[in-house]
Amino acid sequence: EAYRARVQQTIAQYGGEYLVRGGNF
């Protein structure tokens, strides 16, 4: 939970974005 609270900001900072974040498969 601590990781998830901080990781998205680092991804965006380097031009990245989520395409999939869990979900059914």
PDB file of all heavy atoms in Angstrom:
ATOM      1  N   GLU A   1       0.836  -1.200   0.000  1.00  0.00           N
ATOM      2  CA  GLU A   1       0.000   0.000   0.000  1.00  0.00           C
ATOM      3  C   GLU A   1       0.874   1.255   0.000  1.00  0.00           C
ATOM      4  O   GLU A   1       0.562   2.227  -0.696  1.00  0.00           O
ATOM      5  CB  GLU A   1      -0.953  -0.016   1.185  1.00  0.00           C
ATOM      6  CG  GLU A   1      -2.066  -1.038   1.024  1.00  0.00           C
ATOM      7  CD  GLU A   1      -2.920  -1.212   2.268  1.00  0.00           C
ATOM      8  OE1 GLU A   1      -2.626  -0.610   3.319  1.00  0.00           O
ATOM      9  OE2 GLU A   1      -3.886  -1.983   2.183  1.00  0.00           O
ATOM     10  N   ALA A   2       1.967   1.229   0.748  1.00  0.00           N
ATOM     11  CA  ALA A   2       2.893   2.366   0.759  1.00  0.00           C
ATOM     12  C   ALA A   2       3.529   2.544  -0.625  1.00  0.00           C
ATOM     13  O   ALA A   2       3.686   3.667  -1.113  1.00  0.00           O
ATOM     14  CB  ALA A   2       3.962   2.174   1.823  1.00  0.00           C
ATOM     15  N   TYR A   3       3.881   1.445  -1.268  1.00  0.00           N
ATOM     16  CA  TYR A   3       4.452   1.474  -2.622  1.00  0.00           C
ATOM     17  C   TYR A   3       3.431   2.051  -3.604  1.00  0.00           C
ATOM     18  O   TYR A   3       3.739   2.958  -4.378  1.00  0.00           O
ATOM     19  CB  TYR A   3       4.864   0.053  -3.017  1.00  0.00           C
ATOM     20  CG  TYR A   3       5.253  -0.093  -4.461  1.00  0.00           C
ATOM     21  CD1 TYR A   3       6.530   0.240  -4.888  1.00  0.00           C
ATOM     22  CD2 TYR A   3       4.347  -0.591  -5.402  1.00  0.00           C
ATOM     23  CE1 TYR A   3       6.891   0.090  -6.220  1.00  0.00           C
ATOM     24  CE2 TYR A   3       4.702  -0.744  -6.728  1.00  0.00           C
ATOM     25  CZ  TYR A   3       5.975  -0.396  -7.130  1.00  0.00           C
ATOM     26  OH  TYR A   3       6.331  -0.539  -8.440  1.00  0.00           O
ATOM     27  N   ARG A   4       2.222   1.524  -3.574  1.00  0.00           N
ATOM     28  CA  ARG A   4       1.172   1.973  -4.508  1.00  0.00           C
ATOM     29  C   ARG A   4       0.864   3.457  -4.350  1.00  0.00           C
ATOM     30  O   ARG A   4       0.536   4.133  -5.324  1.00  0.00           O
ATOM     31  CB  ARG A   4      -0.098   1.157  -4.300  1.00  0.00           C
ATOM     32  CG  ARG A   4       0.009  -0.255  -4.817  1.00  0.00           C
ATOM     33  CD  ARG A   4      -1.283  -1.000  -4.585  1.00  0.00           C
ATOM     34  NE  ARG A   4      -1.134  -2.405  -4.919  1.00  0.00           N
ATOM     35  CZ  ARG A   4      -1.708  -3.389  -4.254  1.00  0.00           C
ATOM     36  NH1 ARG A   4      -2.489  -3.134  -3.216  1.00  0.00           N
ATOM     37  NH2 ARG A   4      -1.516  -4.632  -4.621  1.00  0.00           N
ATOM     38  N   ALA A   5       0.966   3.967  -3.136  1.00  0.00           N
ATOM     39  CA  ALA A   5       0.678   5.377  -2.891  1.00  0.00           C
ATOM     40  C   ALA A   5       1.705   6.295  -3.551  1.00  0.00           C
ATOM     41  O   ALA A   5       1.413   7.457  -3.821  1.00  0.00           O
ATOM     42  CB  ALA A   5       0.625   5.644  -1.381  1.00  0.00           C
ATOM     43  N   ARG A   6       2.889   5.775  -3.852  1.00  0.00           N
ATOM     44  CA  ARG A   6       3.973   6.613  -4.366  1.00  0.00           C
ATOM     45  C   ARG A   6       4.394   6.304  -5.807  1.00  0.00           C
ATOM     46  O   ARG A   6       5.013   7.139  -6.449  1.00  0.00           O
ATOM     47  CB  ARG A   6       5.183   6.494  -3.448  1.00  0.00           C
ATOM     48  CG  ARG A   6       4.887   7.013  -2.044  1.00  0.00           C
ATOM     49  CD  ARG A   6       6.007   6.752  -1.071  1.00  0.00           C
ATOM     50  NE  ARG A   6       7.249   7.384  -1.488  1.00  0.00           N
ATOM     51  CZ  ARG A   6       8.424   7.134  -0.915  1.00  0.00           C
ATOM     52  NH1 ARG A   6       8.520   6.283   0.086  1.00  0.00           N
ATOM     53  NH2 ARG A   6       9.517   7.738  -1.347  1.00  0.00           N
ATOM     54  N   VAL A   7       4.090   5.130  -6.301  1.00  0.00           N
ATOM     55  CA  VAL A   7       4.661   4.703  -7.577  1.00  0.00           C
ATOM     56  C   VAL A   7       4.104   5.464  -8.775  1.00  0.00           C
ATOM     57  O   VAL A   7       4.834   5.785  -9.707  1.00  0.00           O
ATOM     58  CB  VAL A   7       4.524   3.176  -7.772  1.00  0.00           C
ATOM     59  CG1 VAL A   7       3.077   2.747  -7.946  1.00  0.00           C
ATOM     60  CG2 VAL A   7       5.389   2.716  -8.938  1.00  0.00           C
ATOM     61  N   GLN A   8       2.826   5.771  -8.780  1.00  0.00           N
ATOM     62  CA  GLN A   8       2.228   6.404  -9.957  1.00  0.00           C
ATOM     63  C   GLN A   8       2.904   7.730 -10.293  1.00  0.00           C
ATOM     64  O   GLN A   8       3.123   8.048 -11.461  1.00  0.00           O
ATOM     65  CB  GLN A   8       0.736   6.599  -9.773  1.00  0.00           C
ATOM     66  CG  GLN A   8       0.057   7.078 -11.042  1.00  0.00           C
ATOM     67  CD  GLN A   8      -1.437   6.965 -10.976  1.00  0.00           C
ATOM     68  OE1 GLN A   8      -2.018   6.547  -9.993  1.00  0.00           O
ATOM     69  NE2 GLN A   8      -2.080   7.341 -12.052  1.00  0.00           N
ATOM     70  N   GLN A   9       3.262   8.490  -9.298  1.00  0.00           N
ATOM     71  CA  GLN A   9       3.941   9.771  -9.523  1.00  0.00           C
ATOM     72  C   GLN A   9       5.271   9.560 -10.241  1.00  0.00           C
ATOM     73  O   GLN A   9       5.638  10.327 -11.136  1.00  0.00           O
ATOM     74  CB  GLN A   9       4.156  10.499  -8.206  1.00  0.00           C
ATOM     75  CG  GLN A   9       4.848  11.830  -8.363  1.00  0.00           C
ATOM     76  CD  GLN A   9       5.034  12.525  -7.022  1.00  0.00           C
ATOM     77  OE1 GLN A   9       4.388  12.210  -6.043  1.00  0.00           O
ATOM     78  NE2 GLN A   9       5.951  13.470  -6.994  1.00  0.00           N
ATOM     79  N   THR A  10       6.011   8.511  -9.866  1.00  0.00           N
ATOM     80  CA  THR A  10       7.298   8.269 -10.520  1.00  0.00           C
ATOM     81  C   THR A  10       7.099   7.842 -11.965  1.00  0.00           C
ATOM     82  O   THR A  10       7.875   8.237 -12.836  1.00  0.00           O
ATOM     83  CB  THR A  10       8.138   7.209  -9.772  1.00  0.00           C
ATOM     84  OG1 THR A  10       7.549   5.918  -9.907  1.00  0.00           O
ATOM     85  CG2 THR A  10       8.319   7.566  -8.311  1.00  0.00           C
ATOM     86  N   ILE A  11       6.076   7.053 -12.221  1.00  0.00           N
ATOM     87  CA  ILE A  11       5.796   6.605 -13.594  1.00  0.00           C
ATOM     88  C   ILE A  11       5.488   7.805 -14.481  1.00  0.00           C
ATOM     89  O   ILE A  11       6.067   7.958 -15.565  1.00  0.00           O
ATOM     90  CB  ILE A  11       4.631   5.596 -13.587  1.00  0.00           C
ATOM     91  CG1 ILE A  11       5.056   4.305 -12.872  1.00  0.00           C
ATOM     92  CG2 ILE A  11       4.152   5.304 -15.005  1.00  0.00           C
ATOM     93  CD1 ILE A  11       3.902   3.391 -12.507  1.00  0.00           C
ATOM     94  N   ALA A  12       4.590   8.666 -14.030  1.00  0.00           N
ATOM     95  CA  ALA A  12       4.203   9.846 -14.806  1.00  0.00           C
ATOM     96  C   ALA A  12       5.387  10.777 -15.040  1.00  0.00           C
ATOM     97  O   ALA A  12       5.520  11.368 -16.121  1.00  0.00           O
ATOM     98  CB  ALA A  12       3.071  10.581 -14.101  1.00  0.00           C
ATOM     99  N   GLN A  13       6.249  10.889 -14.045  1.00  0.00           N
ATOM    100  CA  GLN A  13       7.414  11.774 -14.149  1.00  0.00           C
ATOM    101  C   GLN A  13       8.316  11.383 -15.315  1.00  0.00           C
ATOM    102  O   GLN A  13       8.989  12.223 -15.901  1.00  0.00           O
ATOM    103  CB  GLN A  13       8.190  11.723 -12.833  1.00  0.00           C
ATOM    104  CG  GLN A  13       9.378  12.634 -12.764  1.00  0.00           C
ATOM    105  CD  GLN A  13      10.048  12.575 -11.396  1.00  0.00           C
ATOM    106  OE1 GLN A  13       9.488  12.111 -10.421  1.00  0.00           O
ATOM    107  NE2 GLN A  13      11.266  13.054 -11.345  1.00  0.00           N
ATOM    108  N   TYR A  14       8.321  10.106 -15.691  1.00  0.00           N
ATOM    109  CA  TYR A  14       9.173   9.624 -16.775  1.00  0.00           C
ATOM    110  C   TYR A  14       8.383   9.309 -18.044  1.00  0.00           C
ATOM    111  O   TYR A  14       8.848   8.579 -18.906  1.00  0.00           O
ATOM    112  CB  TYR A  14       9.997   8.420 -16.304  1.00  0.00           C
ATOM    113  CG  TYR A  14      11.090   8.874 -15.364  1.00  0.00           C
ATOM    114  CD1 TYR A  14      10.844   9.015 -14.003  1.00  0.00           C
ATOM    115  CD2 TYR A  14      12.328   9.261 -15.848  1.00  0.00           C
ATOM    116  CE1 TYR A  14      11.827   9.491 -13.138  1.00  0.00           C
ATOM    117  CE2 TYR A  14      13.317   9.743 -14.999  1.00  0.00           C
ATOM    118  CZ  TYR A  14      13.051   9.850 -13.650  1.00  0.00           C
ATOM    119  OH  TYR A  14      14.027  10.338 -12.800  1.00  0.00           O
ATOM    120  N   GLY A  15       7.176   9.877 -18.140  1.00  0.00           N
ATOM    121  CA  GLY A  15       6.394   9.758 -19.366  1.00  0.00           C
ATOM    122  C   GLY A  15       5.624   8.464 -19.507  1.00  0.00           C
ATOM    123  O   GLY A  15       5.142   8.149 -20.596  1.00  0.00           O
ATOM    124  N   GLY A  16       5.489   7.715 -18.427  1.00  0.00           N
ATOM    125  CA  GLY A  16       4.782   6.449 -18.495  1.00  0.00           C
ATOM    126  C   GLY A  16       3.345   6.558 -18.025  1.00  0.00           C
ATOM    127  O   GLY A  16       2.944   7.557 -17.431  1.00  0.00           O
ATOM    128  N   GLU A  17       2.595   5.523 -18.322  1.00  0.00           N
ATOM    129  CA  GLU A  17       1.221   5.442 -17.839  1.00  0.00           C
ATOM    130  C   GLU A  17       0.811   3.976 -17.712  1.00  0.00           C
ATOM    131  O   GLU A  17       1.381   3.097 -18.351  1.00  0.00           O
ATOM    132  CB  GLU A  17       0.266   6.203 -18.747  1.00  0.00           C
ATOM    133  CG  GLU A  17       0.170   5.649 -20.145  1.00  0.00           C
ATOM    134  CD  GLU A  17      -0.771   6.453 -21.016  1.00  0.00           C
ATOM    135  OE1 GLU A  17      -1.995   6.414 -20.773  1.00  0.00           O
ATOM    136  OE2 GLU A  17      -0.272   7.114 -21.939  1.00  0.00           O
ATOM    137  N   TYR A  18      -0.193   3.753 -16.878  1.00  0.00           N
ATOM    138  CA  TYR A  18      -0.741   2.409 -16.712  1.00  0.00           C
ATOM    139  C   TYR A  18      -1.632   2.059 -17.895  1.00  0.00           C
ATOM    140  O   TYR A  18      -2.449   2.867 -18.327  1.00  0.00           O
ATOM    141  CB  TYR A  18      -1.603   2.331 -15.448  1.00  0.00           C
ATOM    142  CG  TYR A  18      -0.838   2.268 -14.161  1.00  0.00           C
ATOM    143  CD1 TYR A  18      -0.639   3.405 -13.387  1.00  0.00           C
ATOM    144  CD2 TYR A  18      -0.322   1.056 -13.697  1.00  0.00           C
ATOM    145  CE1 TYR A  18       0.055   3.353 -12.195  1.00  0.00           C
ATOM    146  CE2 TYR A  18       0.375   0.991 -12.503  1.00  0.00           C
ATOM    147  CZ  TYR A  18       0.556   2.142 -11.757  1.00  0.00           C
ATOM    148  OH  TYR A  18       1.245   2.079 -10.582  1.00  0.00           O
ATOM    149  N   LEU A  19      -1.509   0.830 -18.381  1.00  0.00           N
ATOM    150  CA  LEU A  19      -2.456   0.270 -19.340  1.00  0.00           C
ATOM    151  C   LEU A  19      -3.322  -0.778 -18.659  1.00  0.00           C
ATOM    152  O   LEU A  19      -4.503  -0.902 -18.966  1.00  0.00           O
ATOM    153  CB  LEU A  19      -1.726  -0.369 -20.521  1.00  0.00           C
ATOM    154  CG  LEU A  19      -0.946   0.578 -21.429  1.00  0.00           C
ATOM    155  CD1 LEU A  19      -0.269  -0.212 -22.543  1.00  0.00           C
ATOM    156  CD2 LEU A  19      -1.855   1.646 -22.005  1.00  0.00           C
ATOM    157  N   VAL A  20      -2.699  -1.539 -17.760  1.00  0.00           N
ATOM    158  CA  VAL A  20      -3.398  -2.586 -17.008  1.00  0.00           C
ATOM    159  C   VAL A  20      -2.927  -2.499 -15.572  1.00  0.00           C
ATOM    160  O   VAL A  20      -1.733  -2.359 -15.314  1.00  0.00           O
ATOM    161  CB  VAL A  20      -3.087  -3.998 -17.570  1.00  0.00           C
ATOM    162  CG1 VAL A  20      -3.700  -5.085 -16.705  1.00  0.00           C
ATOM    163  CG2 VAL A  20      -3.543  -4.114 -19.016  1.00  0.00           C
ATOM    164  N   ARG A  21      -3.876  -2.597 -14.664  1.00  0.00           N
ATOM    165  CA  ARG A  21      -3.544  -2.570 -13.234  1.00  0.00           C
ATOM    166  C   ARG A  21      -4.467  -3.560 -12.529  1.00  0.00           C
ATOM    167  O   ARG A  21      -5.475  -3.187 -11.946  1.00  0.00           O
ATOM    168  CB  ARG A  21      -3.741  -1.163 -12.706  1.00  0.00           C
ATOM    169  CG  ARG A  21      -3.097  -0.888 -11.395  1.00  0.00           C
ATOM    170  CD  ARG A  21      -3.234   0.591 -11.093  1.00  0.00           C
ATOM    171  NE  ARG A  21      -2.544   0.934  -9.872  1.00  0.00           N
ATOM    172  CZ  ARG A  21      -2.529   2.141  -9.358  1.00  0.00           C
ATOM    173  NH1 ARG A  21      -3.167   3.121  -9.953  1.00  0.00           N
ATOM    174  NH2 ARG A  21      -1.890   2.370  -8.246  1.00  0.00           N
ATOM    175  N   GLY A  22      -4.117  -4.841 -12.658  1.00  0.00           N
ATOM    176  CA  GLY A  22      -4.979  -5.882 -12.101  1.00  0.00           C
ATOM    177  C   GLY A  22      -6.120  -6.158 -13.060  1.00  0.00           C
ATOM    178  O   GLY A  22      -6.038  -5.891 -14.238  1.00  0.00           O
ATOM    179  N   GLY A  23      -7.189  -6.699 -12.540  1.00  0.00           N
ATOM    180  CA  GLY A  23      -8.360  -6.983 -13.370  1.00  0.00           C
ATOM    181  C   GLY A  23      -8.472  -8.448 -13.722  1.00  0.00           C
ATOM    182  O   GLY A  23      -7.559  -9.246 -13.509  1.00  0.00           O
ATOM    183  N   ASN A  24      -9.613  -8.791 -14.254  1.00  0.00           N
ATOM    184  CA  ASN A  24      -9.887 -10.173 -14.658  1.00  0.00           C
ATOM    185  C   ASN A  24      -9.114 -10.515 -15.912  1.00  0.00           C
ATOM    186  O   ASN A  24      -8.839  -9.639 -16.738  1.00  0.00           O
ATOM    187  CB  ASN A  24     -11.376 -10.357 -14.915  1.00  0.00           C
ATOM    188  CG  ASN A  24     -12.192 -10.181 -13.659  1.00  0.00           C
ATOM    189  OD1 ASN A  24     -11.750 -10.509 -12.567  1.00  0.00           O
ATOM    190  ND2 ASN A  24     -13.380  -9.628 -13.810  1.00  0.00           N
ATOM    191  N   PHE A  25      -8.779 -11.785 -16.073  1.00  0.00           N
ATOM    192  CA  PHE A  25      -8.083 -12.239 -17.273  1.00  0.00           C
ATOM    193  C   PHE A  25      -8.514 -13.663 -17.580  1.00  0.00           C
ATOM    194  O   PHE A  25      -9.036 -14.372 -16.711  1.00  0.00           O
ATOM    195  CB  PHE A  25      -6.554 -12.168 -17.107  1.00  0.00           C
ATOM    196  CG  PHE A  25      -6.027 -13.008 -15.975  1.00  0.00           C
ATOM    197  CD1 PHE A  25      -5.738 -14.348 -16.165  1.00  0.00           C
ATOM    198  CD2 PHE A  25      -5.843 -12.456 -14.726  1.00  0.00           C
ATOM    199  CE1 PHE A  25      -5.264 -15.134 -15.119  1.00  0.00           C
ATOM    200  CE2 PHE A  25      -5.373 -13.224 -13.664  1.00  0.00           C
ATOM    201  CZ  PHE A  25      -5.082 -14.566 -13.869  1.00  0.00           C
TER     202      PHE A  25
END
